[in-house]
Protein backbone atom coordinates (compact mmCIF):
# COMPACT_ATOMS: atom_id res chain seq x y z
CA MET A 1 -108.39 209.10 -82.06
CA GLU A 2 -108.09 206.01 -79.80
CA ILE A 3 -109.98 206.16 -76.47
CA LYS A 4 -108.46 203.99 -73.67
CA ASN A 5 -110.51 202.61 -70.97
CA LYS A 6 -107.88 201.83 -68.55
CA ALA A 7 -109.36 203.94 -65.85
CA SER A 8 -112.85 202.43 -66.25
CA ALA A 9 -111.47 198.81 -66.31
CA GLU A 10 -109.48 199.70 -63.13
CA SER A 11 -112.52 201.27 -61.60
CA LEU A 12 -114.54 198.17 -62.41
CA ARG A 13 -111.89 195.79 -60.94
CA LEU A 14 -111.73 197.81 -57.75
CA VAL A 15 -115.47 197.91 -57.32
CA ALA A 16 -115.81 194.16 -57.93
CA GLU A 17 -112.97 193.43 -55.48
CA HIS A 18 -114.65 195.81 -52.92
CA LEU A 19 -118.05 193.96 -53.33
CA GLY A 20 -116.47 190.48 -53.38
CA VAL A 21 -118.20 189.64 -56.72
CA SER A 22 -117.06 189.21 -60.27
CA GLN A 23 -116.71 192.00 -62.65
CA ASN A 24 -119.78 190.75 -64.49
CA LYS A 25 -121.86 190.84 -61.35
CA ALA A 26 -120.48 194.31 -60.40
CA VAL A 27 -121.69 195.60 -63.83
CA GLN A 28 -125.20 193.83 -63.18
CA ILE A 29 -125.39 195.60 -59.79
CA ALA A 30 -124.42 199.01 -61.30
CA ILE A 31 -127.01 198.64 -64.06
CA ASN A 32 -129.76 197.64 -61.53
CA ARG A 33 -129.02 200.71 -59.45
CA LEU A 34 -128.91 203.08 -62.41
CA TYR A 35 -132.16 201.59 -63.74
CA ASP A 36 -133.80 202.15 -60.19
CA ASP A 37 -132.58 205.87 -60.36
CA ILE A 38 -133.65 206.45 -63.87
CA PHE A 39 -136.99 204.60 -63.74
CA PRO A 40 -138.24 204.93 -60.05
CA ASP A 41 -142.00 204.44 -61.10
CA LYS A 42 -141.07 201.00 -62.62
CA VAL A 43 -139.25 199.68 -59.51
CA SER A 44 -141.14 197.24 -57.41
CA HIS A 45 -141.62 198.91 -53.93
CA ASP A 46 -142.78 195.67 -52.26
CA MET A 47 -139.52 195.50 -50.30
CA PRO A 48 -139.63 196.30 -46.58
CA THR A 49 -138.34 199.74 -45.51
CA PRO A 50 -135.29 199.81 -43.11
CA THR A 51 -137.74 200.66 -40.23
CA GLU A 52 -139.92 197.50 -41.05
CA LEU A 53 -136.67 195.42 -41.27
CA ALA A 54 -135.61 196.68 -37.89
CA PHE A 55 -138.94 195.78 -36.48
CA LEU A 56 -138.80 192.35 -37.92
CA ARG A 57 -135.20 191.65 -36.84
CA ASP A 58 -136.24 192.53 -33.35
CA ARG A 59 -138.98 189.93 -33.39
CA ILE A 60 -136.72 186.94 -34.46
CA PRO A 61 -136.10 184.91 -31.32
CA CYS A 62 -132.58 184.37 -30.28
CA ASP A 63 -131.84 180.75 -29.63
CA ASN A 64 -128.41 180.28 -28.31
CA ASP A 65 -129.10 176.80 -27.59
CA ALA A 66 -129.77 175.88 -31.16
CA LYS A 67 -127.67 173.03 -32.78
CA VAL A 68 -126.72 172.40 -36.42
CA ILE A 69 -126.78 168.83 -37.33
CA ASP A 70 -124.63 167.90 -40.21
CA SER A 71 -125.95 164.39 -40.90
CA LEU A 72 -129.39 162.67 -40.63
CA ALA A 73 -127.52 159.67 -39.11
CA LYS A 74 -126.95 161.64 -35.97
CA ILE A 75 -130.72 162.09 -35.58
CA PHE A 76 -131.84 158.65 -36.57
CA GLN A 77 -129.36 156.44 -34.94
CA SER A 78 -129.86 152.72 -35.44
C-alpha cells in the first residue's frame, strides 16, 4: 500500500508561505513548538512574559527626531 503525502506537503508549503520562511525553517519551528509542548520542564523559562514585555516596551523612549546615517563620511566630513 502506497501512502501519498500530498496533503502534508501542501500543508507544509502553506504554513511556510504564511510564515514567510522556507519549508525547512517551518519544520524547525514546528519541531521546536512540539518539543516545548512535550517537554515543558526542559524548556528554558528565562524569556520575559507578555506582561513584562509590555512593561519594557512602554519604557522605550520615543525619539521621533532620530536620524539614520548611511555613511560615516556624512559624520566625519573632511
